[in-house]
């Protein structure tokens, strides 16, 4: 028998406020976490008191423009509509005048 699993971020299993810089909503589908992250205009991970991210991200940018800075000096733009994977050791900032909305899948949740 086929099963379709549907979860709604607006009724998330877990929600986290990012100290006034956005938020995260997490749902689980068949035991795998799926997370919607919202980052406010002007947010940059390193200037918000957090070090570079130590976990990879695998996801899709739903809205906005994110500029990713790698520890080795490489930069990469992630724009709305793009699927992405970023390795550990990155900083990121919201570029432009819109918030950024990302959806992350499974492997993005080790050591946020």
N, C-alpha and C. Protein backbone atom coordinates (compact mmCIF):
# COMPACT_ATOMS: atom_id res chain seq x y z
N UNK A 1 0.84 -1.18 0.00
CA UNK A 1 0.00 0.00 0.00
C UNK A 1 0.89 1.25 0.00
N UNK A 2 0.61 2.18 -0.86
CA UNK A 2 1.38 3.42 -0.95
C UNK A 2 0.99 4.37 0.17
N UNK A 3 1.98 5.17 0.60
CA UNK A 3 1.73 6.15 1.66
C UNK A 3 2.35 7.48 1.24
N UNK A 4 1.60 8.52 1.37
CA UNK A 4 2.09 9.87 1.11
C UNK A 4 2.19 10.58 2.45
N UNK A 5 3.35 11.12 2.77
CA UNK A 5 3.55 11.84 4.02
C UNK A 5 3.63 13.33 3.72
N UNK A 6 2.86 14.11 4.44
CA UNK A 6 2.83 15.56 4.26
C UNK A 6 2.90 16.21 5.64
N UNK A 7 3.80 17.16 5.80
CA UNK A 7 3.91 17.94 7.04
C UNK A 7 3.91 19.42 6.67
N UNK A 8 3.46 20.26 7.60
CA UNK A 8 3.33 21.68 7.35
C UNK A 8 4.28 22.45 8.28
N UNK A 9 5.13 23.29 7.72
CA UNK A 9 6.05 24.08 8.54
C UNK A 9 5.32 25.03 9.48
N UNK A 10 4.10 25.43 9.13
CA UNK A 10 3.34 26.32 10.00
C UNK A 10 2.81 25.61 11.24
N UNK A 11 2.89 24.29 11.26
CA UNK A 11 2.55 23.48 12.44
C UNK A 11 3.76 22.60 12.76
N UNK A 12 4.92 23.22 12.86
CA UNK A 12 6.20 22.51 13.00
C UNK A 12 6.29 21.71 14.29
N UNK A 13 7.08 20.64 14.23
CA UNK A 13 7.39 19.85 15.42
C UNK A 13 8.27 20.65 16.38
N UNK A 14 9.12 21.50 15.82
CA UNK A 14 10.03 22.32 16.61
C UNK A 14 10.23 23.65 15.91
N UNK A 15 10.18 24.74 16.67
CA UNK A 15 10.44 26.08 16.14
C UNK A 15 11.48 26.76 17.02
N UNK A 16 12.42 27.46 16.39
CA UNK A 16 13.49 28.14 17.11
C UNK A 16 13.59 29.57 16.62
N UNK A 17 13.64 30.52 17.57
CA UNK A 17 13.87 31.92 17.23
C UNK A 17 15.38 32.14 17.18
N UNK A 18 15.86 32.80 16.16
CA UNK A 18 17.29 33.06 16.01
C UNK A 18 17.65 34.44 16.55
N UNK A 19 17.25 34.71 17.76
CA UNK A 19 17.59 35.95 18.47
C UNK A 19 17.31 37.19 17.65
N UNK A 20 16.14 37.24 17.06
CA UNK A 20 15.75 38.41 16.29
C UNK A 20 16.33 38.49 14.90
N UNK A 21 17.00 37.43 14.43
CA UNK A 21 17.60 37.43 13.09
C UNK A 21 16.91 36.46 12.15
N UNK A 22 15.75 35.94 12.56
CA UNK A 22 15.03 34.97 11.75
C UNK A 22 14.55 33.83 12.62
N UNK A 23 14.34 32.67 12.00
CA UNK A 23 13.86 31.52 12.76
C UNK A 23 13.99 30.24 11.98
N UNK A 24 13.78 29.12 12.69
CA UNK A 24 13.81 27.79 12.08
C UNK A 24 12.56 27.03 12.49
N UNK A 25 11.99 26.31 11.54
CA UNK A 25 10.85 25.43 11.79
C UNK A 25 11.22 24.06 11.25
N UNK A 26 11.09 23.03 12.08
CA UNK A 26 11.49 21.68 11.69
C UNK A 26 10.31 20.73 11.77
N UNK A 27 10.15 19.94 10.73
CA UNK A 27 9.18 18.85 10.70
C UNK A 27 9.93 17.56 10.41
N UNK A 28 9.31 16.44 10.69
CA UNK A 28 9.91 15.14 10.37
C UNK A 28 9.00 14.42 9.39
N UNK A 29 9.60 13.90 8.35
CA UNK A 29 8.88 13.09 7.37
C UNK A 29 9.55 11.72 7.37
N UNK A 30 8.79 10.72 7.78
CA UNK A 30 9.31 9.36 7.89
C UNK A 30 10.62 9.32 8.68
N UNK A 31 10.67 10.11 9.76
CA UNK A 31 11.82 10.13 10.64
C UNK A 31 12.97 11.02 10.20
N UNK A 32 12.90 11.60 9.01
CA UNK A 32 13.97 12.47 8.52
C UNK A 32 13.57 13.93 8.72
N UNK A 33 14.44 14.73 9.36
CA UNK A 33 14.10 16.14 9.55
C UNK A 33 14.17 16.93 8.25
N UNK A 34 13.23 17.86 8.14
CA UNK A 34 13.22 18.83 7.05
C UNK A 34 13.03 20.18 7.74
N UNK A 35 13.87 21.15 7.41
CA UNK A 35 13.88 22.41 8.14
C UNK A 35 13.70 23.59 7.20
N UNK A 36 12.83 24.51 7.60
CA UNK A 36 12.71 25.80 6.91
C UNK A 36 13.41 26.84 7.79
N UNK A 37 14.39 27.51 7.20
CA UNK A 37 15.12 28.57 7.91
C UNK A 37 14.79 29.91 7.26
N UNK A 38 14.55 30.91 8.10
CA UNK A 38 14.30 32.27 7.63
C UNK A 38 15.38 33.17 8.24
N UNK A 39 16.09 33.88 7.38
CA UNK A 39 17.15 34.77 7.83
C UNK A 39 16.79 36.20 7.41
N UNK A 40 16.78 37.11 8.37
CA UNK A 40 16.41 38.50 8.11
C UNK A 40 17.46 39.24 7.30
N UNK A 41 17.02 40.30 6.63
CA UNK A 41 17.93 41.17 5.88
C UNK A 41 19.06 41.62 6.80
N UNK A 42 20.27 41.63 6.25
CA UNK A 42 21.43 42.09 7.01
C UNK A 42 22.08 41.05 7.90
N UNK A 43 21.48 39.87 8.03
CA UNK A 43 22.06 38.85 8.91
C UNK A 43 23.33 38.27 8.30
N UNK A 44 24.33 38.11 9.14
CA UNK A 44 25.55 37.39 8.77
C UNK A 44 25.94 36.53 9.96
N UNK A 45 26.14 35.28 9.70
CA UNK A 45 26.42 34.32 10.77
C UNK A 45 27.55 34.79 11.68
N UNK A 46 28.68 35.17 11.12
CA UNK A 46 29.86 35.52 11.91
C UNK A 46 29.69 36.79 12.73
N UNK A 47 28.86 37.72 12.30
CA UNK A 47 28.65 38.95 13.07
C UNK A 47 27.51 38.81 14.07
N UNK A 48 26.81 37.69 14.03
CA UNK A 48 25.73 37.43 14.99
C UNK A 48 26.23 36.63 16.19
N UNK A 49 27.55 36.51 16.33
CA UNK A 49 28.12 35.84 17.48
C UNK A 49 28.27 34.34 17.34
N UNK A 50 28.18 33.83 16.12
CA UNK A 50 28.38 32.39 15.91
C UNK A 50 29.55 32.18 14.97
N UNK A 51 30.27 31.10 15.19
CA UNK A 51 31.41 30.79 14.32
C UNK A 51 30.91 30.19 13.02
N UNK A 52 31.82 29.87 12.14
CA UNK A 52 31.41 29.27 10.87
C UNK A 52 30.71 27.94 11.14
N UNK A 53 29.81 27.59 10.25
CA UNK A 53 29.00 26.39 10.42
C UNK A 53 29.87 25.15 10.28
N UNK A 54 29.74 24.23 11.21
CA UNK A 54 30.55 23.02 11.25
C UNK A 54 29.87 21.83 10.61
N UNK A 55 28.67 22.02 10.08
CA UNK A 55 27.93 20.92 9.45
C UNK A 55 27.63 21.29 8.00
N UNK A 56 27.50 20.30 7.15
CA UNK A 56 27.11 20.59 5.76
C UNK A 56 25.65 20.99 5.69
N UNK A 57 25.28 21.61 4.60
CA UNK A 57 23.87 21.92 4.33
C UNK A 57 23.53 21.33 2.97
N UNK A 58 22.34 20.79 2.87
CA UNK A 58 21.79 20.29 1.61
C UNK A 58 20.38 20.82 1.54
N UNK A 59 20.09 21.64 0.53
CA UNK A 59 18.76 22.22 0.51
C UNK A 59 18.43 22.97 -0.75
N UNK A 60 17.43 23.83 -0.59
CA UNK A 60 16.94 24.66 -1.70
C UNK A 60 16.67 26.05 -1.15
N UNK A 61 17.07 27.06 -1.91
CA UNK A 61 16.76 28.45 -1.57
C UNK A 61 15.40 28.78 -2.16
N UNK A 62 14.45 29.09 -1.31
CA UNK A 62 13.09 29.36 -1.73
C UNK A 62 12.91 30.84 -2.05
N UNK A 63 13.58 31.69 -1.28
CA UNK A 63 13.42 33.13 -1.44
C UNK A 63 14.71 33.84 -1.07
N UNK A 64 15.03 34.92 -1.78
CA UNK A 64 16.15 35.77 -1.42
C UNK A 64 17.47 35.38 -2.07
N UNK A 65 18.54 35.97 -1.51
CA UNK A 65 19.91 35.81 -2.04
C UNK A 65 20.85 35.66 -0.86
N UNK A 66 21.54 34.53 -0.81
CA UNK A 66 22.50 34.24 0.25
C UNK A 66 23.89 34.22 -0.35
N UNK A 67 24.83 34.89 0.29
CA UNK A 67 26.22 34.87 -0.14
C UNK A 67 27.00 34.04 0.87
N UNK A 68 27.60 32.94 0.39
CA UNK A 68 28.32 32.00 1.25
C UNK A 68 29.81 32.28 1.13
N UNK A 69 30.49 32.36 2.27
CA UNK A 69 31.93 32.59 2.33
C UNK A 69 32.57 31.35 2.95
N UNK A 70 33.48 30.71 2.21
CA UNK A 70 34.18 29.53 2.72
C UNK A 70 35.45 29.97 3.46
N UNK A 71 35.89 29.15 4.40
CA UNK A 71 37.10 29.46 5.16
C UNK A 71 38.34 29.58 4.29
N UNK A 72 38.32 28.93 3.11
CA UNK A 72 39.48 29.00 2.20
C UNK A 72 39.45 30.24 1.32
N UNK A 73 38.44 31.12 1.52
CA UNK A 73 38.36 32.37 0.76
C UNK A 73 37.41 32.34 -0.42
N UNK A 74 36.91 31.19 -0.80
CA UNK A 74 35.96 31.10 -1.92
C UNK A 74 34.60 31.64 -1.49
N UNK A 75 33.91 32.31 -2.42
CA UNK A 75 32.56 32.83 -2.20
C UNK A 75 31.62 32.22 -3.24
N UNK A 76 30.36 32.06 -2.86
CA UNK A 76 29.37 31.52 -3.79
C UNK A 76 28.02 32.15 -3.50
N UNK A 77 27.31 32.54 -4.57
CA UNK A 77 25.96 33.08 -4.45
C UNK A 77 24.95 31.95 -4.53
N UNK A 78 23.95 32.00 -3.66
CA UNK A 78 22.82 31.08 -3.72
C UNK A 78 21.57 31.94 -3.83
N UNK A 79 20.84 31.79 -4.93
CA UNK A 79 19.66 32.60 -5.19
C UNK A 79 18.40 31.75 -5.16
N UNK A 80 17.26 32.43 -5.04
CA UNK A 80 15.96 31.75 -5.03
C UNK A 80 15.85 30.80 -6.21
N UNK A 81 15.38 29.59 -5.92
CA UNK A 81 15.21 28.57 -6.95
C UNK A 81 16.36 27.60 -7.05
N UNK A 82 17.49 27.91 -6.42
CA UNK A 82 18.69 27.06 -6.52
C UNK A 82 18.68 25.96 -5.47
N UNK A 83 19.11 24.77 -5.88
CA UNK A 83 19.43 23.69 -4.94
C UNK A 83 20.91 23.85 -4.61
N UNK A 84 21.31 23.48 -3.39
CA UNK A 84 22.69 23.69 -2.99
C UNK A 84 23.16 22.64 -1.99
N UNK A 85 24.46 22.50 -1.94
CA UNK A 85 25.13 21.76 -0.88
C UNK A 85 26.34 22.59 -0.48
N UNK A 86 26.47 22.86 0.81
CA UNK A 86 27.64 23.58 1.30
C UNK A 86 28.35 22.70 2.31
N UNK A 87 29.68 22.63 2.24
CA UNK A 87 30.44 21.80 3.17
C UNK A 87 30.61 22.50 4.52
N UNK A 88 31.10 21.78 5.53
CA UNK A 88 31.41 22.43 6.80
C UNK A 88 32.44 23.54 6.60
N UNK A 89 32.42 24.51 7.51
CA UNK A 89 33.41 25.59 7.46
C UNK A 89 32.98 26.75 6.59
N UNK A 90 31.70 27.15 6.70
CA UNK A 90 31.26 28.28 5.91
C UNK A 90 30.54 29.31 6.77
N UNK A 91 30.61 30.54 6.32
CA UNK A 91 29.88 31.67 6.87
C UNK A 91 28.89 32.06 5.78
N UNK A 92 27.82 32.74 6.14
CA UNK A 92 26.85 33.16 5.13
C UNK A 92 26.21 34.47 5.55
N UNK A 93 25.85 35.26 4.54
CA UNK A 93 25.18 36.53 4.82
C UNK A 93 24.03 36.73 3.84
N UNK A 94 22.99 37.38 4.34
CA UNK A 94 21.86 37.73 3.49
C UNK A 94 22.28 38.92 2.65
N UNK A 95 22.20 38.77 1.34
CA UNK A 95 22.54 39.85 0.40
C UNK A 95 21.24 40.41 -0.17
N UNK A 96 21.21 41.68 -0.42
CA UNK A 96 20.01 42.28 -0.98
C UNK A 96 19.05 42.74 0.10
N UNK A 97 17.84 43.11 -0.33
CA UNK A 97 16.89 43.73 0.60
C UNK A 97 15.72 42.82 0.97
N UNK A 98 15.85 41.52 0.74
CA UNK A 98 14.79 40.58 1.10
C UNK A 98 15.33 39.54 2.07
N UNK A 99 14.45 38.99 2.89
CA UNK A 99 14.87 37.89 3.75
C UNK A 99 15.22 36.68 2.89
N UNK A 100 15.97 35.76 3.46
CA UNK A 100 16.30 34.50 2.79
C UNK A 100 15.50 33.38 3.45
N UNK A 101 14.90 32.53 2.63
CA UNK A 101 14.20 31.35 3.12
C UNK A 101 14.85 30.13 2.47
N UNK A 102 15.33 29.21 3.31
CA UNK A 102 15.95 27.97 2.84
C UNK A 102 15.15 26.78 3.36
N UNK A 103 15.16 25.69 2.62
CA UNK A 103 14.65 24.41 3.11
C UNK A 103 15.82 23.44 3.07
N UNK A 104 16.15 22.88 4.24
CA UNK A 104 17.27 21.94 4.38
C UNK A 104 16.75 20.54 4.61
N UNK A 105 17.50 19.56 4.12
CA UNK A 105 17.11 18.16 4.23
C UNK A 105 18.14 17.37 5.03
N UNK A 106 17.66 16.39 5.77
CA UNK A 106 18.40 15.40 6.54
C UNK A 106 19.80 15.71 7.01
N UNK A 107 20.79 15.65 6.14
CA UNK A 107 22.19 15.71 6.57
C UNK A 107 22.61 17.07 7.11
N UNK A 108 21.74 18.05 7.02
CA UNK A 108 22.08 19.40 7.46
C UNK A 108 22.00 19.59 8.97
N UNK A 109 21.63 18.56 9.72
CA UNK A 109 21.28 18.78 11.12
C UNK A 109 22.31 18.35 12.14
N UNK A 110 23.43 17.83 11.71
CA UNK A 110 24.48 17.48 12.65
C UNK A 110 25.28 18.73 12.98
N UNK A 111 25.37 19.07 14.25
CA UNK A 111 26.20 20.19 14.72
C UNK A 111 25.85 21.49 14.02
N UNK A 112 24.64 21.97 14.23
CA UNK A 112 24.18 23.23 13.64
C UNK A 112 25.15 24.32 13.97
